[in-house]
């Protein structure tokens, strides 16, 4: 078990305090342990989300994304549309 070296205090609303107490009773752990577990789970979820985003980006690049000709055509189309913005009014 890790040595707890840091003490802190938080101002929490009544509902959050009750949730922490309920979880502590259900898990048979201290309220501090509930907070540690919640932070650990939130951090893991954030890491998973970042890893999923990176995997999607890598998959997109693996499919070669847009080829150069398609990208150039799209950029030309956007440039033409932007050039006409002021003329249509």
Protein backbone atom coordinates (compact mmCIF):
# COMPACT_ATOMS: atom_id res chain seq x y z
CA UNK A 1 0.00 0.00 0.00
CA UNK A 2 1.24 3.45 -0.89
CA UNK A 3 2.27 5.85 1.84
CA UNK A 4 -0.06 8.84 1.91
CA UNK A 5 2.09 11.96 2.08
CA UNK A 6 -0.33 14.68 1.06
CA UNK A 7 -3.39 15.98 2.86
CA UNK A 8 -5.84 18.31 1.24
CA UNK A 9 -9.35 19.57 1.70
CA UNK A 10 -12.15 20.19 -0.76
CA UNK A 11 -15.41 22.07 -0.64
CA UNK A 12 -17.99 19.67 -2.08
CA UNK A 13 -21.75 19.90 -2.44
CA UNK A 14 -24.03 17.68 -0.35
CA UNK A 15 -24.86 15.32 -3.20
CA UNK A 16 -21.20 14.62 -3.97
CA UNK A 17 -20.42 14.02 -0.29
CA UNK A 18 -23.32 11.57 -0.05
CA UNK A 19 -22.16 9.77 -3.18
CA UNK A 20 -18.65 9.42 -1.75
CA UNK A 21 -20.06 8.09 1.53
CA UNK A 22 -22.33 5.64 -0.28
CA UNK A 23 -19.46 4.34 -2.40
CA UNK A 24 -17.23 4.03 0.66
CA UNK A 25 -19.88 1.91 2.37
CA UNK A 26 -20.53 -0.21 -0.70
CA UNK A 27 -16.84 -0.79 -1.42
CA UNK A 28 -15.93 -1.07 2.28
CA UNK A 29 -13.12 1.45 1.90
CA UNK A 30 -12.37 4.94 3.18
CA UNK A 31 -13.73 8.05 1.54
CA UNK A 32 -10.18 8.94 0.55
CA UNK A 33 -9.90 5.58 -1.24
CA UNK A 34 -13.12 6.34 -3.12
CA UNK A 35 -11.60 9.61 -4.34
CA UNK A 36 -8.32 7.87 -5.30
CA UNK A 37 -10.21 5.23 -7.29
CA UNK A 38 -12.40 7.82 -9.00
CA UNK A 39 -9.36 9.87 -10.03
CA UNK A 40 -7.59 6.72 -11.27
CA UNK A 41 -10.63 5.73 -13.36
CA UNK A 42 -11.03 9.23 -14.80
CA UNK A 43 -7.34 9.36 -15.71
CA UNK A 44 -7.54 5.93 -17.38
CA UNK A 45 -10.60 7.02 -19.36
CA UNK A 46 -8.78 10.15 -20.53
CA UNK A 47 -5.78 8.07 -21.61
CA UNK A 48 -8.04 5.61 -23.48
CA UNK A 49 -9.77 8.48 -25.25
CA UNK A 50 -6.45 9.96 -26.38
CA UNK A 51 -5.24 6.55 -27.54
CA UNK A 52 -8.49 5.98 -29.49
CA UNK A 53 -8.16 9.36 -31.19
CA UNK A 54 -4.57 8.59 -32.16
CA UNK A 55 -5.56 5.16 -33.49
CA UNK A 56 -8.29 6.75 -35.65
CA UNK A 57 -5.82 9.29 -37.02
CA UNK A 58 -3.28 6.55 -37.75
CA UNK A 59 -5.96 4.45 -39.49
CA UNK A 60 -6.90 7.46 -41.61
CA UNK A 61 -3.28 7.98 -42.61
CA UNK A 62 -2.87 4.25 -43.29
CA UNK A 63 -5.76 4.52 -45.79
CA UNK A 64 -3.73 7.31 -47.41
CA UNK A 65 -6.34 9.94 -46.61
CA UNK A 66 -6.83 12.17 -49.63
CA UNK A 67 -4.50 11.74 -52.56
CA UNK A 68 -2.71 14.86 -53.72
CA UNK A 69 -4.97 15.41 -56.75
CA UNK A 70 -8.18 15.14 -54.69
CA UNK A 71 -6.78 17.47 -52.05
CA UNK A 72 -5.76 20.04 -54.67
CA UNK A 73 -9.20 19.86 -56.31
CA UNK A 74 -10.89 20.40 -52.96
CA UNK A 75 -8.64 23.35 -52.13
CA UNK A 76 -9.38 24.91 -55.52
CA UNK A 77 -13.12 24.50 -54.97
CA UNK A 78 -12.90 26.15 -51.55
CA UNK A 79 -10.82 29.02 -52.95
CA UNK A 80 -13.40 29.61 -55.71
CA UNK A 81 -16.25 29.61 -53.20
CA UNK A 82 -14.45 32.06 -50.94
CA UNK A 83 -13.66 34.36 -53.85
CA UNK A 84 -17.37 34.57 -54.70
CA UNK A 85 -18.52 35.42 -51.15
CA UNK A 86 -18.38 39.17 -51.63
CA UNK A 87 -19.75 39.16 -55.19
CA UNK A 88 -23.11 37.48 -54.42
CA UNK A 89 -24.27 40.13 -51.93
